[in-house]
Amino acid sequence: MSDLSKPLYSLTVGEYIDLSKKAFAQEAKKLLVNNDGILGKSNSNRDIIFVEEVQQLTGYKKSTIYSKVCRFEMPVISKRRPLTFSRTDILNWLKDGKPSVIDQEAKDYLSKT
């Protein structure tokens, strides 16, 4: 009997973990395959990027990126694992001379009032 034919509440912990891993692997593979069907190649049309691509764009080490995100010095979409960034925001941040994100948010807030 396969795991898919059993209700979730009847699975053992091990079966549930295996099922979760399989589901996660399938979804991750879908996300990693770009429009051409090629796995692992970056698609420049994608706006959501991860730490490795930010490293390529900025030339920073991974530890520097984490540090800048923690100090609100770099734009980030999600601070959870994995860190996610907007390619557009990072490129604009680089063009603007790497201003502090918190300073920009303060200016935006003050201009509204």
N, C-alpha and C. Protein backbone atom coordinates (compact mmCIF):
# COMPACT_ATOMS: atom_id res chain seq x y z
N MET A 1 0.85 -1.18 0.00
CA MET A 1 0.00 0.00 0.00
C MET A 1 0.89 1.24 0.00
N SER A 2 0.66 2.14 -0.93
CA SER A 2 1.51 3.33 -1.01
C SER A 2 1.06 4.38 0.01
N ASP A 3 1.98 5.30 0.31
CA ASP A 3 1.70 6.34 1.29
C ASP A 3 0.56 7.26 0.86
N LEU A 4 0.39 7.41 -0.46
CA LEU A 4 -0.64 8.34 -0.95
C LEU A 4 -2.06 7.80 -0.75
N SER A 5 -2.20 6.48 -0.64
CA SER A 5 -3.54 5.93 -0.47
C SER A 5 -3.98 5.90 0.99
N LYS A 6 -3.05 6.18 1.91
CA LYS A 6 -3.38 6.19 3.34
C LYS A 6 -3.70 7.62 3.77
N PRO A 7 -4.65 7.78 4.68
CA PRO A 7 -4.87 9.13 5.22
C PRO A 7 -3.66 9.59 6.02
N LEU A 8 -3.40 10.88 6.03
CA LEU A 8 -2.23 11.42 6.73
C LEU A 8 -2.18 11.02 8.19
N TYR A 9 -3.32 11.02 8.84
CA TYR A 9 -3.33 10.73 10.28
C TYR A 9 -2.94 9.28 10.59
N SER A 10 -2.96 8.40 9.59
CA SER A 10 -2.61 7.00 9.84
C SER A 10 -1.15 6.68 9.52
N LEU A 11 -0.39 7.67 9.03
CA LEU A 11 1.01 7.44 8.70
C LEU A 11 1.85 7.41 9.97
N THR A 12 2.89 6.60 9.93
CA THR A 12 3.86 6.64 11.03
C THR A 12 4.71 7.88 10.84
N VAL A 13 5.48 8.23 11.85
CA VAL A 13 6.34 9.41 11.75
C VAL A 13 7.33 9.24 10.60
N GLY A 14 7.90 8.06 10.48
CA GLY A 14 8.86 7.80 9.40
C GLY A 14 8.22 7.93 8.03
N GLU A 15 7.01 7.37 7.87
CA GLU A 15 6.31 7.47 6.58
C GLU A 15 5.98 8.93 6.26
N TYR A 16 5.57 9.68 7.28
CA TYR A 16 5.24 11.09 7.07
C TYR A 16 6.47 11.88 6.65
N ILE A 17 7.60 11.60 7.30
CA ILE A 17 8.85 12.30 6.95
C ILE A 17 9.26 11.98 5.53
N ASP A 18 9.18 10.70 5.15
CA ASP A 18 9.52 10.31 3.77
C ASP A 18 8.59 10.97 2.76
N LEU A 19 7.31 11.01 3.06
CA LEU A 19 6.34 11.64 2.17
C LEU A 19 6.62 13.14 2.04
N SER A 20 6.95 13.77 3.15
CA SER A 20 7.26 15.20 3.14
C SER A 20 8.51 15.48 2.32
N LYS A 21 9.52 14.62 2.47
CA LYS A 21 10.76 14.80 1.70
C LYS A 21 10.49 14.66 0.20
N LYS A 22 9.68 13.67 -0.16
CA LYS A 22 9.36 13.47 -1.58
C LYS A 22 8.61 14.67 -2.13
N ALA A 23 7.63 15.16 -1.38
CA ALA A 23 6.84 16.31 -1.83
C ALA A 23 7.72 17.55 -1.95
N PHE A 24 8.60 17.76 -0.97
CA PHE A 24 9.50 18.91 -1.01
C PHE A 24 10.44 18.82 -2.20
N ALA A 25 10.99 17.62 -2.46
CA ALA A 25 11.91 17.43 -3.59
C ALA A 25 11.21 17.72 -4.92
N GLN A 26 9.96 17.29 -5.04
CA GLN A 26 9.21 17.54 -6.27
C GLN A 26 8.98 19.03 -6.47
N GLU A 27 8.59 19.72 -5.41
CA GLU A 27 8.33 21.16 -5.52
C GLU A 27 9.62 21.94 -5.77
N ALA A 28 10.70 21.54 -5.11
CA ALA A 28 11.99 22.21 -5.31
C ALA A 28 12.46 22.03 -6.74
N LYS A 29 12.27 20.84 -7.29
CA LYS A 29 12.68 20.59 -8.67
C LYS A 29 11.89 21.47 -9.63
N LYS A 30 10.60 21.64 -9.37
CA LYS A 30 9.77 22.51 -10.21
C LYS A 30 10.28 23.95 -10.17
N LEU A 31 10.67 24.40 -8.98
CA LEU A 31 11.16 25.77 -8.84
C LEU A 31 12.51 25.97 -9.51
N LEU A 32 13.35 24.94 -9.50
CA LEU A 32 14.69 25.07 -10.05
C LEU A 32 14.74 24.93 -11.56
N VAL A 33 13.74 24.33 -12.15
CA VAL A 33 13.72 24.15 -13.60
C VAL A 33 13.20 25.44 -14.22
N ASN A 34 14.03 26.04 -15.07
CA ASN A 34 13.58 27.28 -15.71
C ASN A 34 12.72 26.98 -16.94
N ASN A 35 12.35 28.00 -17.65
CA ASN A 35 11.43 27.84 -18.78
C ASN A 35 11.96 26.91 -19.87
N ASP A 36 13.27 26.80 -20.01
CA ASP A 36 13.85 25.94 -21.03
C ASP A 36 13.92 24.49 -20.59
N GLY A 37 13.55 24.21 -19.34
CA GLY A 37 13.62 22.86 -18.85
C GLY A 37 15.01 22.46 -18.39
N ILE A 38 15.89 23.43 -18.22
CA ILE A 38 17.26 23.15 -17.81
C ILE A 38 17.38 23.36 -16.32
N LEU A 39 17.88 22.37 -15.64
CA LEU A 39 18.01 22.42 -14.19
C LEU A 39 19.30 23.13 -13.82
N GLY A 40 19.21 24.05 -12.86
CA GLY A 40 20.40 24.66 -12.29
C GLY A 40 20.89 25.91 -12.98
N LYS A 41 20.47 26.22 -14.17
CA LYS A 41 20.91 27.45 -14.83
C LYS A 41 20.05 28.59 -14.34
N SER A 42 20.69 29.73 -14.12
CA SER A 42 19.92 30.86 -13.63
C SER A 42 19.19 31.54 -14.78
N ASN A 43 18.02 31.99 -14.51
CA ASN A 43 17.19 32.66 -15.50
C ASN A 43 17.19 34.14 -15.18
N SER A 44 17.76 34.95 -16.07
CA SER A 44 17.89 36.37 -15.78
C SER A 44 16.54 37.07 -15.72
N ASN A 45 15.47 36.43 -16.21
CA ASN A 45 14.15 37.04 -16.14
C ASN A 45 13.50 36.88 -14.77
N ARG A 46 14.07 35.99 -13.94
CA ARG A 46 13.54 35.78 -12.60
C ARG A 46 13.91 36.96 -11.72
N ASP A 47 12.97 37.43 -10.92
CA ASP A 47 13.28 38.53 -10.03
C ASP A 47 13.68 38.03 -8.65
N ILE A 48 13.19 36.89 -8.23
CA ILE A 48 13.53 36.34 -6.92
C ILE A 48 14.86 35.61 -7.04
N ILE A 49 15.83 36.02 -6.21
CA ILE A 49 17.15 35.40 -6.23
C ILE A 49 17.56 35.03 -4.81
N PHE A 50 18.60 34.24 -4.70
CA PHE A 50 19.08 33.75 -3.43
C PHE A 50 20.50 34.25 -3.17
N VAL A 51 21.07 33.86 -2.05
CA VAL A 51 22.36 34.38 -1.60
C VAL A 51 23.46 34.19 -2.65
N GLU A 52 23.50 33.03 -3.29
CA GLU A 52 24.56 32.75 -4.26
C GLU A 52 24.54 33.76 -5.41
N GLU A 53 23.34 34.09 -5.88
CA GLU A 53 23.23 35.05 -6.98
C GLU A 53 23.55 36.47 -6.51
N VAL A 54 23.21 36.78 -5.26
CA VAL A 54 23.56 38.09 -4.71
C VAL A 54 25.08 38.19 -4.59
N GLN A 55 25.74 37.09 -4.24
CA GLN A 55 27.19 37.07 -4.20
C GLN A 55 27.77 37.41 -5.57
N GLN A 56 27.21 36.85 -6.62
CA GLN A 56 27.69 37.10 -7.97
C GLN A 56 27.46 38.56 -8.37
N LEU A 57 26.30 39.11 -8.00
CA LEU A 57 25.99 40.49 -8.38
C LEU A 57 26.83 41.51 -7.62
N THR A 58 27.06 41.25 -6.34
CA THR A 58 27.74 42.25 -5.50
C THR A 58 29.22 41.99 -5.30
N GLY A 59 29.64 40.75 -5.39
CA GLY A 59 31.02 40.40 -5.11
C GLY A 59 31.29 40.21 -3.62
N TYR A 60 30.24 40.28 -2.80
CA TYR A 60 30.38 40.09 -1.36
C TYR A 60 30.47 38.62 -1.00
N LYS A 61 31.11 38.34 0.14
CA LYS A 61 31.10 36.99 0.70
C LYS A 61 29.72 36.75 1.30
N LYS A 62 29.40 35.48 1.48
CA LYS A 62 28.11 35.12 2.06
C LYS A 62 27.96 35.71 3.46
N SER A 63 29.03 35.69 4.26
CA SER A 63 28.97 36.23 5.61
C SER A 63 28.70 37.74 5.60
N THR A 64 29.25 38.44 4.61
CA THR A 64 29.02 39.88 4.50
C THR A 64 27.57 40.17 4.16
N ILE A 65 27.00 39.35 3.29
CA ILE A 65 25.59 39.53 2.91
C ILE A 65 24.69 39.33 4.13
N TYR A 66 24.94 38.25 4.89
CA TYR A 66 24.14 38.01 6.10
C TYR A 66 24.28 39.18 7.08
N SER A 67 25.48 39.68 7.21
CA SER A 67 25.73 40.79 8.13
C SER A 67 24.97 42.04 7.69
N LYS A 68 25.03 42.36 6.41
CA LYS A 68 24.34 43.55 5.90
C LYS A 68 22.83 43.43 6.02
N VAL A 69 22.31 42.22 5.82
CA VAL A 69 20.87 42.01 5.97
C VAL A 69 20.46 42.22 7.42
N CYS A 70 21.26 41.70 8.36
CA CYS A 70 20.94 41.85 9.79
C CYS A 70 20.98 43.30 10.24
N ARG A 71 21.84 44.10 9.62
CA ARG A 71 21.97 45.51 10.00
C ARG A 71 21.10 46.43 9.14
N PHE A 72 20.20 45.85 8.36
CA PHE A 72 19.29 46.61 7.49
C PHE A 72 20.06 47.48 6.50
N GLU A 73 21.18 46.99 6.01
CA GLU A 73 21.98 47.73 5.04
C GLU A 73 21.76 47.26 3.61
N MET A 74 20.98 46.19 3.45
CA MET A 74 20.77 45.61 2.13
C MET A 74 19.30 45.21 2.00
N PRO A 75 18.68 45.49 0.85
CA PRO A 75 17.27 45.11 0.68
C PRO A 75 17.11 43.60 0.60
N VAL A 76 16.11 43.09 1.28
CA VAL A 76 15.85 41.66 1.31
C VAL A 76 14.33 41.45 1.33
N ILE A 77 13.86 40.38 0.72
CA ILE A 77 12.44 40.08 0.73
C ILE A 77 12.09 39.27 1.97
N SER A 78 12.85 38.20 2.21
CA SER A 78 12.57 37.33 3.35
C SER A 78 13.87 37.05 4.10
N LYS A 79 13.84 37.27 5.41
CA LYS A 79 15.02 37.01 6.23
C LYS A 79 15.06 35.58 6.74
N ARG A 80 14.06 34.81 6.41
CA ARG A 80 14.04 33.40 6.82
C ARG A 80 14.91 32.59 5.88
N ARG A 81 15.10 31.34 6.24
CA ARG A 81 15.90 30.48 5.38
C ARG A 81 15.04 29.93 4.27
N PRO A 82 15.45 29.97 3.06
CA PRO A 82 16.63 30.67 2.57
C PRO A 82 16.33 32.16 2.42
N LEU A 83 17.37 32.97 2.56
CA LEU A 83 17.21 34.40 2.32
C LEU A 83 16.78 34.59 0.87
N THR A 84 15.79 35.44 0.66
CA THR A 84 15.37 35.72 -0.70
C THR A 84 15.47 37.22 -0.96
N PHE A 85 15.90 37.54 -2.16
CA PHE A 85 16.12 38.92 -2.56
C PHE A 85 15.40 39.18 -3.87
N SER A 86 15.18 40.44 -4.17
CA SER A 86 14.66 40.85 -5.47
C SER A 86 15.85 41.31 -6.30
N ARG A 87 16.02 40.71 -7.47
CA ARG A 87 17.13 41.11 -8.35
C ARG A 87 17.04 42.60 -8.67
N THR A 88 15.83 43.07 -8.93
CA THR A 88 15.64 44.49 -9.25
C THR A 88 16.05 45.38 -8.09
N ASP A 89 15.63 45.01 -6.86
CA ASP A 89 15.99 45.80 -5.69
C ASP A 89 17.50 45.83 -5.46
N ILE A 90 18.15 44.69 -5.64
CA ILE A 90 19.61 44.62 -5.44
C ILE A 90 20.32 45.48 -6.49
N LEU A 91 19.90 45.39 -7.74
CA LEU A 91 20.54 46.20 -8.79
C LEU A 91 20.31 47.69 -8.55
N ASN A 92 19.09 48.07 -8.14
CA ASN A 92 18.82 49.47 -7.82
C ASN A 92 19.64 49.94 -6.62
N TRP A 93 19.78 49.06 -5.63
CA TRP A 93 20.57 49.36 -4.44
C TRP A 93 22.02 49.61 -4.81
N LEU A 94 22.55 48.80 -5.73
CA LEU A 94 23.92 48.99 -6.18
C LEU A 94 24.06 50.30 -6.96
N LYS A 95 23.08 50.60 -7.82
CA LYS A 95 23.12 51.83 -8.61
C LYS A 95 23.03 53.07 -7.73
N ASP A 96 22.26 52.98 -6.64
CA ASP A 96 22.08 54.12 -5.74
C ASP A 96 23.24 54.32 -4.77
N GLY A 97 24.29 53.51 -4.90
CA GLY A 97 25.44 53.68 -4.03
C GLY A 97 25.33 52.94 -2.71
N LYS A 98 24.53 51.88 -2.64
CA LYS A 98 24.37 51.02 -1.47
C LYS A 98 23.90 51.78 -0.22
N PRO A 99 22.80 52.52 -0.35
CA PRO A 99 22.29 53.22 0.85
C PRO A 99 21.70 52.24 1.85
N SER A 100 21.65 52.64 3.09
CA SER A 100 21.05 51.81 4.14
C SER A 100 19.56 51.70 3.88
N VAL A 101 19.02 50.52 4.00
CA VAL A 101 17.61 50.29 3.74
C VAL A 101 16.75 51.00 4.77
N ILE A 102 17.17 51.01 6.01
CA ILE A 102 16.38 51.64 7.06
C ILE A 102 16.31 53.15 6.85
N ASP A 103 17.39 53.76 6.33
CA ASP A 103 17.37 55.19 6.02
C ASP A 103 16.36 55.49 4.92
N GLN A 104 16.32 54.63 3.89
CA GLN A 104 15.38 54.82 2.79
C GLN A 104 13.94 54.68 3.27
N GLU A 105 13.68 53.69 4.14
CA GLU A 105 12.33 53.52 4.67
C GLU A 105 11.92 54.71 5.51
N ALA A 106 12.85 55.29 6.26
CA ALA A 106 12.56 56.48 7.06
C ALA A 106 12.24 57.67 6.16
N LYS A 107 13.00 57.84 5.08
CA LYS A 107 12.73 58.94 4.14
C LYS A 107 11.36 58.77 3.49
N ASP A 108 11.03 57.53 3.11
CA ASP A 108 9.72 57.28 2.51
C ASP A 108 8.59 57.58 3.50
N TYR A 109 8.78 57.21 4.74
CA TYR A 109 7.77 57.45 5.76
C TYR A 109 7.60 58.95 6.00
N LEU A 110 8.70 59.65 6.12
CA LEU A 110 8.64 61.09 6.39
C LEU A 110 8.05 61.87 5.21
N SER A 111 8.26 61.40 4.01
CA SER A 111 7.72 62.11 2.84
C SER A 111 6.21 61.92 2.74
N LYS A 112 5.66 60.87 3.36
CA LYS A 112 4.22 60.63 3.33
C LYS A 112 3.48 61.53 4.32
N THR A 113 4.15 61.91 5.41
CA THR A 113 3.48 62.70 6.43
C THR A 113 3.61 64.18 6.20
